[in-house]
Every structure is written in C-alpha cells, then in structure tokens.
C-alpha cells in the first residue's frame, strides 16, 4: 500500500478487520518489518490521539519515529506555486518534501482544511504534493477532507461491540461554538457505507456532506426520528460543506445557542435500542454530548480512542510490507 486516504485503499474490509484483531492480540510480532526503518510524522496542526497512537503503532513495529511540528521550530513553509517569497515563509514545500522523504521510509501528514477556498481544500493540495514529490508511501493523519485512521478505528470498535449482524449506525451533527472541518464525518460516512451496517446521517438543513463521501446514505433531518432503533450513535460537529452554496463553505449557519436541542442527551438516547455512544475526541461536553451520556456504561469513546493504535499499526504494517 503506497497511499492510505480512502476505505478502498485497504481492499477487502473483512480481511482488514481480521488483521486488526490479529494485531490487537500481539502488537509486537512484526517488529522485523520496521527494523532500521523510519516513520516521519508531520503535523501542520495540533494532535493528541493521532500523534500518540501513530507513534506507538510505529514503535510496536520496531520503527524509528521522527515527529515534526511544522509550526514549532521549523521554517515557515510556502505551499503555493508562483508566489514571490518576500514574506515570512522561508522555504517552499516543493523543496521541503523531497528533503523530508530522504530522511525516512514512510510519511504521515496531518493538515486541516483552511476554509479559505473549498476547491483547494477538497483537491487536497498539500497532501497530494507529499504523494507526488516525497518518493515515499504517504498516509493521511487527517487532511482537509478525510480522517481515515479515525474511521478505521471507528469501524473496528463497532465490529467489536455490535450485538446484531447489521447494526443501525447514526451519524449526528451536534452544535459547536466554532467552525470545524468535515474530515471526520466525511470519512465516517465513507467507511460506514462500505461496511455492512444500516447507516443514517442526521443534521440540520444546510449541512449536507459532499456526495463523494456520503454517497447513497439515508439523510434524516429529524434527529429524533433518525435515532429510533439505533445501535450506535456517532456525534460530531461540522461546518457547512458548501455543496450547494460554495460561498457558505466553512461557515456556522446558525448561532449554536439556538441549536442546543441537537446536543446528544438522554432524551435522544431513550429512543435508541440501548445504543452505544461514539465520538472521535476531543469533545466539548454539554454541547456535543451531555455528561451523563458520555459517562454512561454505553459510551465507547475510550475503547474507540484506544483502537487508533490498532488502525495505525495495520496501515503501517501494510506499507512496510510493500517496501
């Protein structure tokens, strides 16, 4: 595997899920793959789970790990062609990328949406430059549009905790005080549509996800109706994707104070089939979800986060096997 961006990059999902369980049973049996190999993890944005879980996964495989915080200690990087570099950016990404590639064997990159231009974000200009110019396998540690390591961990968690063959999984929008990217919901939708689940998306009008990710998923604008009979509730805020109105891309369409009914509480959970609660973390309590729901025995946010190590290790293992 040379690139990890979409669910299709993993191939057969049942095989990938079985591999994840094998990794979970013994994380250290493939250390020969990573011996004398280096993973470079590049962060243009903040991280807790992604940084720690991916470092741990690489070390489980016997790899050396280099972590680069681009905004702390590195030269400021220009990302656009044709720019006269007379400002505060001292180095261009087109020189930096092949240099980075010369120091490692595998590269992970985290670079969020900028909300300046929808076309630029959805074309993944920064990550695609790493794919084109690094000469190394590249995996997405959250980009402008996707977070596949999170979605893979989410699917592993659902497989481990489901009580029926084809559970009902609901992705619900929830309020937030500032604009957030669509990467997590995009990937979650993409992966759930590829999995054997009954998938429903619920959100206020105007927050429709891009069809390339949400595909043929059922969209229900009535949150309570969407929750009926659900087995898993996945809560996440996202800003306007700008599908029908590009000028609204990245905006919060309503004052969050007026949208607090969308906060996942006992009221919504009562109509589910004793559903498990999921969130990628970090989570703003009593905005995304109430204290009692996230602290309940049916909350899976901690096992879900722990599975980030497993999803990262499967991806790294497969990349090492192709070197």
Protein backbone atom coordinates (compact mmCIF):
# COMPACT_ATOMS: atom_id res chain seq x y z
CA UNK A 1 0.00 0.00 0.00
CA UNK A 2 1.56 3.27 -1.17
CA UNK A 3 -1.20 5.70 -0.10
CA UNK A 4 -3.77 5.49 2.68
CA UNK A 5 -6.56 8.02 2.15
CA UNK A 6 -9.82 6.18 1.46
CA UNK A 7 -11.52 2.99 2.60
CA UNK A 8 -10.82 1.46 -0.82
CA UNK A 9 -7.07 1.66 -0.13
CA UNK A 10 -7.47 -1.19 2.39
CA UNK A 11 -9.11 -3.58 -0.05
CA UNK A 12 -11.38 -6.23 1.46
CA UNK A 13 -12.71 -4.77 4.73
CA UNK A 14 -13.36 -8.17 6.30
CA UNK A 15 -9.70 -9.06 5.75
CA UNK A 16 -8.57 -5.71 7.21
CA UNK A 17 -10.78 -6.16 10.28
CA UNK A 18 -9.44 -9.68 10.84
CA UNK A 19 -5.92 -8.31 10.51
CA UNK A 20 -6.75 -5.63 13.10
CA UNK A 21 -7.77 -8.30 15.59
CA UNK A 22 -4.58 -10.25 14.90
CA UNK A 23 -2.56 -7.10 15.55
CA UNK A 24 -4.51 -6.49 18.74
CA UNK A 25 -3.72 -9.97 20.05
CA UNK A 26 0.04 -9.46 19.60
CA UNK A 27 1.22 -5.99 18.64
CA UNK A 28 4.90 -6.93 18.55
CA UNK A 29 5.12 -9.95 16.25
CA UNK A 30 6.01 -7.88 13.15
CA UNK A 31 8.95 -5.92 14.53
CA UNK A 32 11.18 -7.36 11.84
CA UNK A 33 9.25 -5.27 9.29
CA UNK A 34 10.21 -1.98 10.91
CA UNK A 35 13.77 -2.74 11.90
CA UNK A 36 16.05 0.04 10.60
CA UNK A 37 13.03 1.81 9.07
CA UNK A 38 11.88 5.33 9.98
CA UNK A 39 8.41 6.85 10.10
CA UNK A 40 8.22 10.62 9.72
CA UNK A 41 5.05 12.13 11.20
CA UNK A 42 4.43 15.69 10.02
CA UNK A 43 1.94 17.86 11.86
CA UNK A 44 0.69 21.13 10.41
CA UNK A 45 -2.00 21.11 13.14
CA UNK A 46 -2.43 20.06 16.76
CA UNK A 47 -2.88 16.44 17.75
CA UNK A 48 -3.15 14.19 20.79
CA UNK A 49 -4.61 10.78 19.83
CA UNK A 50 -3.23 10.77 16.29
CA UNK A 51 0.27 11.68 17.42
CA UNK A 52 0.45 9.24 20.33
CA UNK A 53 -1.33 6.32 18.68
CA UNK A 54 0.68 6.52 15.46
CA UNK A 55 3.98 6.83 17.32
CA UNK A 56 3.05 3.82 19.44
CA UNK A 57 1.98 1.82 16.39
CA UNK A 58 5.27 2.56 14.63
CA UNK A 59 7.28 1.57 17.70
CA UNK A 60 5.26 -1.65 18.01
CA UNK A 61 6.57 -2.47 14.53
CA UNK A 62 10.18 -1.75 15.52
CA UNK A 63 10.39 1.54 13.64
CA UNK A 64 12.29 4.70 14.47
CA UNK A 65 9.95 7.70 14.68
CA UNK A 66 10.60 11.35 13.84
CA UNK A 67 7.88 13.87 14.69
CA UNK A 68 7.92 17.28 13.02
CA UNK A 69 5.69 20.10 14.25
CA UNK A 70 5.79 22.38 11.24
CA UNK A 71 4.59 25.40 13.20
CA UNK A 72 7.01 24.95 16.11
CA UNK A 73 10.69 25.19 15.27
CA UNK A 74 10.61 24.51 11.53
CA UNK A 75 10.87 27.10 8.78
CA UNK A 76 7.52 28.53 7.76
CA UNK A 77 6.52 26.78 4.55
CA UNK A 78 5.05 28.26 1.40
CA UNK A 79 2.58 25.89 -0.25
CA UNK A 80 1.56 27.77 -3.41
CA UNK A 81 3.37 27.97 -6.74
CA UNK A 82 4.11 31.30 -8.39
CA UNK A 83 4.40 33.20 -5.11
CA UNK A 84 7.14 35.81 -4.67
CA UNK A 85 8.52 34.65 -1.34
CA UNK A 86 9.25 38.03 0.20
CA UNK A 87 7.19 37.43 3.35
CA UNK A 88 7.71 35.36 6.48
CA UNK A 89 7.82 31.98 4.68
CA UNK A 90 11.43 30.94 4.14
CA UNK A 91 11.08 27.58 2.44
CA UNK A 92 8.81 26.12 -0.21
CA UNK A 93 7.05 22.83 0.31
CA UNK A 94 8.39 21.63 -3.05
CA UNK A 95 11.95 21.66 -1.68
CA UNK A 96 11.00 20.60 1.83
CA UNK A 97 9.05 17.50 0.79
CA UNK A 98 11.85 15.62 -1.07
CA UNK A 99 14.26 16.55 1.73
CA UNK A 100 11.85 15.07 4.29
CA UNK A 101 11.50 11.97 2.12
CA UNK A 102 15.26 11.44 2.10
CA UNK A 103 15.24 11.01 5.90
CA UNK A 104 12.53 8.36 6.22
CA UNK A 105 10.78 5.35 4.73
CA UNK A 106 7.12 6.21 5.40
CA UNK A 107 5.43 9.61 5.83
CA UNK A 108 2.28 10.52 7.73
CA UNK A 109 0.84 14.02 7.27
CA UNK A 110 -1.77 15.96 9.21
CA UNK A 111 -3.05 19.15 7.59
CA UNK A 112 -6.53 20.52 8.27
CA UNK A 113 -8.87 22.42 5.99
CA UNK A 114 -8.05 26.11 5.80
CA UNK A 115 -11.60 27.23 4.91
CA UNK A 116 -10.14 29.80 2.52
CA UNK A 117 -11.08 28.06 -0.69
CA UNK A 118 -13.33 24.99 -0.95
CA UNK A 119 -11.78 23.86 -4.22
CA UNK A 120 -8.25 23.94 -2.78
CA UNK A 121 -9.30 22.06 0.36
CA UNK A 122 -11.25 19.37 -1.49
CA UNK A 123 -8.43 18.88 -4.00
CA UNK A 124 -6.10 18.08 -1.06
CA UNK A 125 -3.33 20.22 -2.50
CA UNK A 126 -0.90 19.79 0.41
CA UNK A 127 -1.26 16.03 0.90
CA UNK A 128 -1.14 15.39 -2.83
CA UNK A 129 2.18 17.23 -3.05
CA UNK A 130 3.59 14.80 -0.48
CA UNK A 131 2.31 11.88 -2.54
CA UNK A 132 3.81 13.33 -5.72
CA UNK A 133 7.20 14.57 -4.50
CA UNK A 134 8.26 12.63 -1.38
CA UNK A 135 9.06 9.32 -3.08
CA UNK A 136 7.64 7.54 0.00
CA UNK A 137 4.39 5.85 0.98
CA UNK A 138 2.09 8.50 2.46
CA UNK A 139 -0.77 8.04 4.91
CA UNK A 140 -3.30 10.68 5.88
CA UNK A 141 -3.35 11.54 9.61
CA UNK A 142 -6.33 13.85 8.91
CA UNK A 143 -6.48 16.12 5.95
CA UNK A 144 -8.76 18.85 4.69
CA UNK A 145 -11.41 16.29 3.76
CA UNK A 146 -10.71 12.90 5.37
CA UNK A 147 -9.54 11.20 8.56
CA UNK A 148 -9.21 7.53 7.55
CA UNK A 149 -7.23 6.36 10.59
CA UNK A 150 -10.11 7.53 12.79
CA UNK A 151 -12.78 5.95 10.59
CA UNK A 152 -10.91 2.63 10.53
CA UNK A 153 -10.68 2.69 14.34
CA UNK A 154 -14.39 3.53 14.49
CA UNK A 155 -15.24 0.52 12.34
CA UNK A 156 -13.03 -1.76 14.45
CA UNK A 157 -14.89 -0.52 17.55
CA UNK A 158 -18.31 -1.11 16.03
CA UNK A 159 -17.32 -4.63 14.97
CA UNK A 160 -16.13 -5.39 18.50
CA UNK A 161 -19.28 -4.09 20.22
CA UNK A 162 -22.15 -4.82 17.86
CA UNK A 163 -24.99 -7.03 19.13
CA UNK A 164 -26.51 -7.90 15.77
CA UNK A 165 -25.25 -8.79 12.31
CA UNK A 166 -26.21 -5.48 10.69
CA UNK A 167 -26.45 -2.71 13.30
CA UNK A 168 -28.08 0.66 12.74
CA UNK A 169 -25.41 3.36 12.90
CA UNK A 170 -26.37 7.04 13.07
CA UNK A 171 -24.02 9.93 12.37
CA UNK A 172 -25.47 13.02 14.02
CA UNK A 173 -24.45 16.65 13.72
CA UNK A 174 -24.11 18.46 17.06
CA UNK A 175 -23.56 22.12 17.96
CA UNK A 176 -20.14 23.69 18.45
CA UNK A 177 -19.01 27.28 19.12
CA UNK A 178 -16.71 27.46 16.09
CA UNK A 179 -16.41 26.13 12.56
CA UNK A 180 -14.98 22.63 12.30
CA UNK A 181 -13.85 20.71 9.18
CA UNK A 182 -15.81 17.88 7.58
CA UNK A 183 -12.90 15.39 7.59
CA UNK A 184 -14.19 13.12 10.38
CA UNK A 185 -17.82 12.93 9.22
CA UNK A 186 -16.70 12.54 5.59
CA UNK A 187 -14.55 9.53 6.39
CA UNK A 188 -17.04 8.05 8.84
CA UNK A 189 -19.74 8.20 6.17
CA UNK A 190 -17.43 6.74 3.53
CA UNK A 191 -16.41 3.82 5.76
CA UNK A 192 -19.91 3.07 7.06
CA UNK A 193 -21.23 2.92 3.50
CA UNK A 194 -18.53 0.38 2.71
CA UNK A 195 -19.33 -1.68 5.81
CA UNK A 196 -22.30 -3.96 6.44
CA UNK A 197 -24.35 -1.55 8.55
CA UNK A 198 -27.66 0.32 8.26
CA UNK A 199 -26.30 3.86 8.02
CA UNK A 200 -28.23 7.10 8.60
CA UNK A 201 -26.99 10.69 8.68
CA UNK A 202 -28.90 13.39 10.55
CA UNK A 203 -28.19 17.12 10.56
CA UNK A 204 -29.94 20.46 10.14
CA UNK A 205 -30.64 21.61 6.62
CA UNK A 206 -27.63 23.31 5.04
CA UNK A 207 -25.04 20.90 6.47
CA UNK A 208 -25.27 18.30 3.66
CA UNK A 209 -21.98 16.42 3.26
CA UNK A 210 -20.31 16.09 -0.12
CA UNK A 211 -21.90 13.27 -2.16
CA UNK A 212 -18.46 11.79 -2.90
CA UNK A 213 -18.34 10.75 0.76
CA UNK A 214 -21.94 10.40 1.88
CA UNK A 215 -22.97 8.65 -1.35
CA UNK A 216 -26.32 6.93 -1.10
CA UNK A 217 -26.68 7.22 2.66
CA UNK A 218 -30.12 7.97 4.04
CA UNK A 219 -30.32 11.55 5.34
CA UNK A 220 -32.92 12.31 8.01
CA UNK A 221 -33.36 15.93 9.09
CA UNK A 222 -35.42 14.94 12.14
CA UNK A 223 -32.81 13.87 14.70
CA UNK A 224 -35.25 12.05 16.96
CA UNK A 225 -36.60 10.04 14.05
CA UNK A 226 -33.07 9.17 12.96
CA UNK A 227 -32.22 7.89 16.46
CA UNK A 228 -35.15 5.48 16.64
CA UNK A 229 -33.90 1.91 16.97
CA UNK A 230 -30.24 2.87 16.58
CA UNK A 231 -27.45 0.63 17.87
CA UNK A 232 -24.62 3.17 17.61
CA UNK A 233 -24.74 6.97 17.80
CA UNK A 234 -21.74 8.82 16.41
CA UNK A 235 -21.85 12.52 17.29
CA UNK A 236 -19.74 15.12 15.50
CA UNK A 237 -19.99 18.76 14.57
CA UNK A 238 -19.07 20.00 11.12
CA UNK A 239 -19.33 23.38 9.45
CA UNK A 240 -21.22 23.96 6.22
CA UNK A 241 -19.62 21.83 3.46
CA UNK A 242 -20.77 24.32 0.82
CA UNK A 243 -22.10 21.61 -1.50
CA UNK A 244 -24.96 23.71 -2.89
CA UNK A 245 -23.69 27.15 -1.80
CA UNK A 246 -19.87 27.30 -2.06
CA UNK A 247 -19.96 30.79 -0.53
CA UNK A 248 -21.14 29.22 2.75
CA UNK A 249 -18.25 26.74 2.89
CA UNK A 250 -16.73 26.55 6.37
CA UNK A 251 -19.42 28.69 7.96
CA UNK A 252 -21.56 28.04 11.03
CA UNK A 253 -25.04 28.66 9.65
CA UNK A 254 -26.84 29.22 12.95
CA UNK A 255 -25.93 30.61 16.35
CA UNK A 256 -25.10 27.50 18.36
CA UNK A 257 -27.23 28.76 21.24
CA UNK A 258 -30.29 28.17 19.07
CA UNK A 259 -29.19 24.62 18.14
CA UNK A 260 -28.66 23.09 21.58
CA UNK A 261 -31.52 20.65 21.03
CA UNK A 262 -29.07 18.77 18.80
CA UNK A 263 -26.75 18.06 21.78
CA UNK A 264 -26.92 14.30 22.38
CA UNK A 265 -28.67 13.73 25.70
CA UNK A 266 -30.72 11.10 27.49
CA UNK A 267 -33.75 12.41 25.62
CA UNK A 268 -32.39 11.26 22.26
CA UNK A 269 -30.74 8.11 23.57
CA UNK A 270 -34.05 6.95 25.06
CA UNK A 271 -35.48 6.20 21.61
CA UNK A 272 -32.48 4.10 20.54
CA UNK A 273 -32.02 0.38 21.05
CA UNK A 274 -29.78 0.98 24.07
CA UNK A 275 -27.28 2.46 21.62
CA UNK A 276 -23.58 2.87 22.28
CA UNK A 277 -22.26 6.44 22.09
CA UNK A 278 -19.20 7.29 19.98
CA UNK A 279 -17.12 10.39 19.34
CA UNK A 280 -13.62 10.86 17.93
CA UNK A 281 -12.49 13.20 20.78
CA UNK A 282 -11.71 15.82 21.89
CA UNK A 283 -15.33 16.54 22.75
CA UNK A 284 -16.99 19.63 24.21
CA UNK A 285 -19.22 18.33 26.96
CA UNK A 286 -22.78 19.63 27.19
CA UNK A 287 -22.51 20.93 23.63
CA UNK A 288 -21.82 17.78 21.62
CA UNK A 289 -22.97 15.38 24.35
CA UNK A 290 -24.17 15.64 27.93
CA UNK A 291 -22.11 14.40 30.87
CA UNK A 292 -24.47 11.55 31.65
CA UNK A 293 -24.32 10.12 28.12
CA UNK A 294 -20.56 10.27 27.67
CA UNK A 295 -20.00 8.85 31.17
CA UNK A 296 -22.56 6.06 30.77
CA UNK A 297 -21.59 2.37 30.50
CA UNK A 298 -22.66 2.58 26.84
CA UNK A 299 -20.03 5.20 26.00
CA UNK A 300 -17.28 3.82 23.76
CA UNK A 301 -15.12 6.93 23.42
CA UNK A 302 -12.17 5.42 25.31
CA UNK A 303 -12.09 2.00 23.58
CA UNK A 304 -12.59 3.87 20.30
CA UNK A 305 -9.55 6.05 21.01
CA UNK A 306 -7.51 3.01 22.04
CA UNK A 307 -8.27 1.41 18.68
CA UNK A 308 -6.48 4.29 16.98
CA UNK A 309 -3.25 2.45 17.77
CA UNK A 310 -4.59 -0.65 16.03
CA UNK A 311 -5.80 1.12 12.90
CA UNK A 312 -2.47 2.94 12.56
CA UNK A 313 -0.50 -0.27 13.04
CA UNK A 314 -2.42 -2.14 10.35
CA UNK A 315 -1.79 0.70 7.91
CA UNK A 316 1.91 0.99 8.76
CA UNK A 317 2.34 -2.80 8.63
CA UNK A 318 0.88 -2.93 5.14
CA UNK A 319 3.08 -0.07 3.97
CA UNK A 320 6.19 -1.74 5.37
CA UNK A 321 5.26 -4.98 3.61
CA UNK A 322 5.42 -3.15 0.25
CA UNK A 323 8.88 -1.59 0.80
